[in-house]
């Protein structure tokens, strides 16, 4: 039997799970591009399915916005301002953004 860990059967259709990385990526891309609809195509050698995914602003606010803002402010922006690429990069240089513990 074919196993698709990121999809579920609903009303004899295969749909993406709302907690999968695929769904998060689609909602993020819809938000950034200011689109309302995405056609997600799943293709295998034996079958193909197309799912319409509509932008869900509530999902964006509750599950993505704050995490992405935190990533931007704590990880991406500091690297843009003071790049560490090419500098000393040891495991001891990696710090938890919420504290002083080394991430291992």
C-alpha atoms as a PDB file:
ATOM      1  CA  UNK A   1       0.000   0.000   0.000  1.00  0.00           C
ATOM      2  CA  UNK A   2       1.231   3.478  -0.867  1.00  0.00           C
ATOM      3  CA  UNK A   3       2.024   5.622   2.145  1.00  0.00           C
ATOM      4  CA  UNK A   4       1.839   9.391   1.926  1.00  0.00           C
ATOM      5  CA  UNK A   5       2.669  10.831   5.358  1.00  0.00           C
ATOM      6  CA  UNK A   6       1.797  14.414   4.376  1.00  0.00           C
ATOM      7  CA  UNK A   7      -1.590  13.614   2.850  1.00  0.00           C
ATOM      8  CA  UNK A   8      -4.911  12.217   4.065  1.00  0.00           C
ATOM      9  CA  UNK A   9      -7.973  10.750   2.378  1.00  0.00           C
ATOM     10  CA  UNK A  10     -11.095  12.885   2.620  1.00  0.00           C
ATOM     11  CA  UNK A  11     -14.273  12.187   0.645  1.00  0.00           C
ATOM     12  CA  UNK A  12     -12.327   9.842  -1.690  1.00  0.00           C
ATOM     13  CA  UNK A  13      -9.798  12.609  -2.438  1.00  0.00           C
ATOM     14  CA  UNK A  14      -6.220  12.937  -1.314  1.00  0.00           C
ATOM     15  CA  UNK A  15      -5.589  16.273   0.410  1.00  0.00           C
ATOM     16  CA  UNK A  16      -2.517  17.735   2.050  1.00  0.00           C
ATOM     17  CA  UNK A  17      -2.455  17.670   5.861  1.00  0.00           C
ATOM     18  CA  UNK A  18      -2.815  21.126   7.368  1.00  0.00           C
ATOM     19  CA  UNK A  19       0.193  20.520   9.632  1.00  0.00           C
ATOM     20  CA  UNK A  20       2.566  19.438   6.850  1.00  0.00           C
ATOM     21  CA  UNK A  21       5.470  21.488   5.541  1.00  0.00           C
ATOM     22  CA  UNK A  22       3.812  21.478   2.104  1.00  0.00           C
ATOM     23  CA  UNK A  23       0.751  23.284   3.443  1.00  0.00           C
ATOM     24  CA  UNK A  24       2.881  25.808   5.345  1.00  0.00           C
ATOM     25  CA  UNK A  25       4.885  26.528   2.201  1.00  0.00           C
ATOM     26  CA  UNK A  26       1.770  27.008   0.062  1.00  0.00           C
ATOM     27  CA  UNK A  27       0.148  29.371   2.588  1.00  0.00           C
ATOM     28  CA  UNK A  28       3.419  31.311   2.910  1.00  0.00           C
ATOM     29  CA  UNK A  29       3.761  31.665  -0.850  1.00  0.00           C
ATOM     30  CA  UNK A  30       0.127  32.711  -1.197  1.00  0.00           C
ATOM     31  CA  UNK A  31       0.632  35.356   1.504  1.00  0.00           C
ATOM     32  CA  UNK A  32       3.858  36.739   0.048  1.00  0.00           C
ATOM     33  CA  UNK A  33       2.513  36.873  -3.514  1.00  0.00           C
ATOM     34  CA  UNK A  34      -0.887  38.202  -2.382  1.00  0.00           C
ATOM     35  CA  UNK A  35      -2.708  35.379  -4.160  1.00  0.00           C
ATOM     36  CA  UNK A  36      -5.905  33.692  -3.042  1.00  0.00           C
ATOM     37  CA  UNK A  37      -5.574  30.266  -4.662  1.00  0.00           C
ATOM     38  CA  UNK A  38      -2.947  27.615  -5.375  1.00  0.00           C
ATOM     39  CA  UNK A  39      -3.313  24.412  -7.367  1.00  0.00           C
ATOM     40  CA  UNK A  40      -1.138  21.826  -5.627  1.00  0.00           C
ATOM     41  CA  UNK A  41      -0.384  18.952  -8.000  1.00  0.00           C
ATOM     42  CA  UNK A  42       0.748  15.566  -6.695  1.00  0.00           C
ATOM     43  CA  UNK A  43       2.084  13.318  -9.427  1.00  0.00           C
ATOM     44  CA  UNK A  44       3.069   9.651  -9.156  1.00  0.00           C
ATOM     45  CA  UNK A  45       3.673   6.987 -11.784  1.00  0.00           C
ATOM     46  CA  UNK A  46       0.182   5.584 -11.172  1.00  0.00           C
ATOM     47  CA  UNK A  47      -1.979   8.649 -10.533  1.00  0.00           C
ATOM     48  CA  UNK A  48      -2.103  12.429 -10.361  1.00  0.00           C
ATOM     49  CA  UNK A  49      -4.240  14.634  -8.166  1.00  0.00           C
ATOM     50  CA  UNK A  50      -4.805  18.375  -8.067  1.00  0.00           C
ATOM     51  CA  UNK A  51      -5.892  20.116  -4.871  1.00  0.00           C
ATOM     52  CA  UNK A  52      -7.161  23.680  -4.679  1.00  0.00           C
ATOM     53  CA  UNK A  53      -5.722  25.413  -1.630  1.00  0.00           C
ATOM     54  CA  UNK A  54      -7.170  28.794  -0.717  1.00  0.00           C
ATOM     55  CA  UNK A  55      -5.245  31.363   1.288  1.00  0.00           C
ATOM     56  CA  UNK A  56      -6.130  31.124   4.979  1.00  0.00           C
ATOM     57  CA  UNK A  57      -5.315  34.380   6.770  1.00  0.00           C
ATOM     58  CA  UNK A  58      -6.234  32.947  10.176  1.00  0.00           C
ATOM     59  CA  UNK A  59      -3.777  30.067   9.641  1.00  0.00           C
ATOM     60  CA  UNK A  60      -1.109  32.589   8.602  1.00  0.00           C
ATOM     61  CA  UNK A  61      -1.591  34.676  11.760  1.00  0.00           C
ATOM     62  CA  UNK A  62      -1.908  31.764  14.206  1.00  0.00           C
ATOM     63  CA  UNK A  63       0.831  29.480  12.858  1.00  0.00           C
ATOM     64  CA  UNK A  64       3.319  31.389  10.740  1.00  0.00           C
ATOM     65  CA  UNK A  65       3.536  35.155  11.121  1.00  0.00           C
ATOM     66  CA  UNK A  66       5.104  35.327  14.581  1.00  0.00           C
ATOM     67  CA  UNK A  67       7.598  32.505  13.930  1.00  0.00           C
ATOM     68  CA  UNK A  68       8.739  34.039  10.653  1.00  0.00           C
ATOM     69  CA  UNK A  69       9.054  37.488  12.211  1.00  0.00           C
ATOM     70  CA  UNK A  70      11.162  36.013  15.025  1.00  0.00           C
ATOM     71  CA  UNK A  71      13.360  34.168  12.507  1.00  0.00           C
ATOM     72  CA  UNK A  72      13.838  37.339  10.476  1.00  0.00           C
ATOM     73  CA  UNK A  73      14.662  39.559  13.460  1.00  0.00           C
ATOM     74  CA  UNK A  74      16.823  37.065  15.389  1.00  0.00           C
ATOM     75  CA  UNK A  75      18.542  35.107  12.620  1.00  0.00           C
ATOM     76  CA  UNK A  76      18.380  36.699   9.192  1.00  0.00           C
ATOM     77  CA  UNK A  77      18.630  40.412   9.993  1.00  0.00           C
ATOM     78  CA  UNK A  78      21.720  40.070  12.238  1.00  0.00           C
ATOM     79  CA  UNK A  79      23.446  38.130   9.443  1.00  0.00           C
ATOM     80  CA  UNK A  80      22.555  40.854   6.939  1.00  0.00           C
ATOM     81  CA  UNK A  81      23.875  43.587   9.242  1.00  0.00           C
ATOM     82  CA  UNK A  82      27.033  41.783  10.418  1.00  0.00           C
ATOM     83  CA  UNK A  83      27.703  38.694   8.268  1.00  0.00           C
ATOM     84  CA  UNK A  84      29.403  35.769   9.971  1.00  0.00           C
ATOM     85  CA  UNK A  85      29.906  33.827   6.744  1.00  0.00           C
ATOM     86  CA  UNK A  86      33.623  33.264   6.290  1.00  0.00           C
ATOM     87  CA  UNK A  87      34.406  33.993   9.913  1.00  0.00           C
ATOM     88  CA  UNK A  88      35.171  31.506  12.667  1.00  0.00           C
ATOM     89  CA  UNK A  89      32.275  29.059  12.630  1.00  0.00           C
ATOM     90  CA  UNK A  90      32.495  26.625  15.521  1.00  0.00           C
ATOM     91  CA  UNK A  91      29.647  24.847  17.280  1.00  0.00           C
ATOM     92  CA  UNK A  92      30.412  27.041  20.296  1.00  0.00           C
ATOM     93  CA  UNK A  93      29.545  30.107  18.186  1.00  0.00           C
ATOM     94  CA  UNK A  94      25.927  28.986  17.817  1.00  0.00           C
ATOM     95  CA  UNK A  95      23.773  30.396  20.578  1.00  0.00           C
ATOM     96  CA  UNK A  96      20.138  29.993  21.516  1.00  0.00           C
ATOM     97  CA  UNK A  97      18.412  33.267  20.510  1.00  0.00           C
ATOM     98  CA  UNK A  98      16.465  33.238  23.801  1.00  0.00           C
ATOM     99  CA  UNK A  99      19.454  32.723  26.066  1.00  0.00           C
ATOM    100  CA  UNK A 100      23.151  32.086  26.346  1.00  0.00           C
ATOM    101  CA  UNK A 101      23.100  28.317  25.965  1.00  0.00           C
ATOM    102  CA  UNK A 102      25.119  26.776  23.185  1.00  0.00           C
ATOM    103  CA  UNK A 103      22.923  24.838  20.775  1.00  0.00           C
ATOM    104  CA  UNK A 104      24.146  21.258  20.343  1.00  0.00           C
END
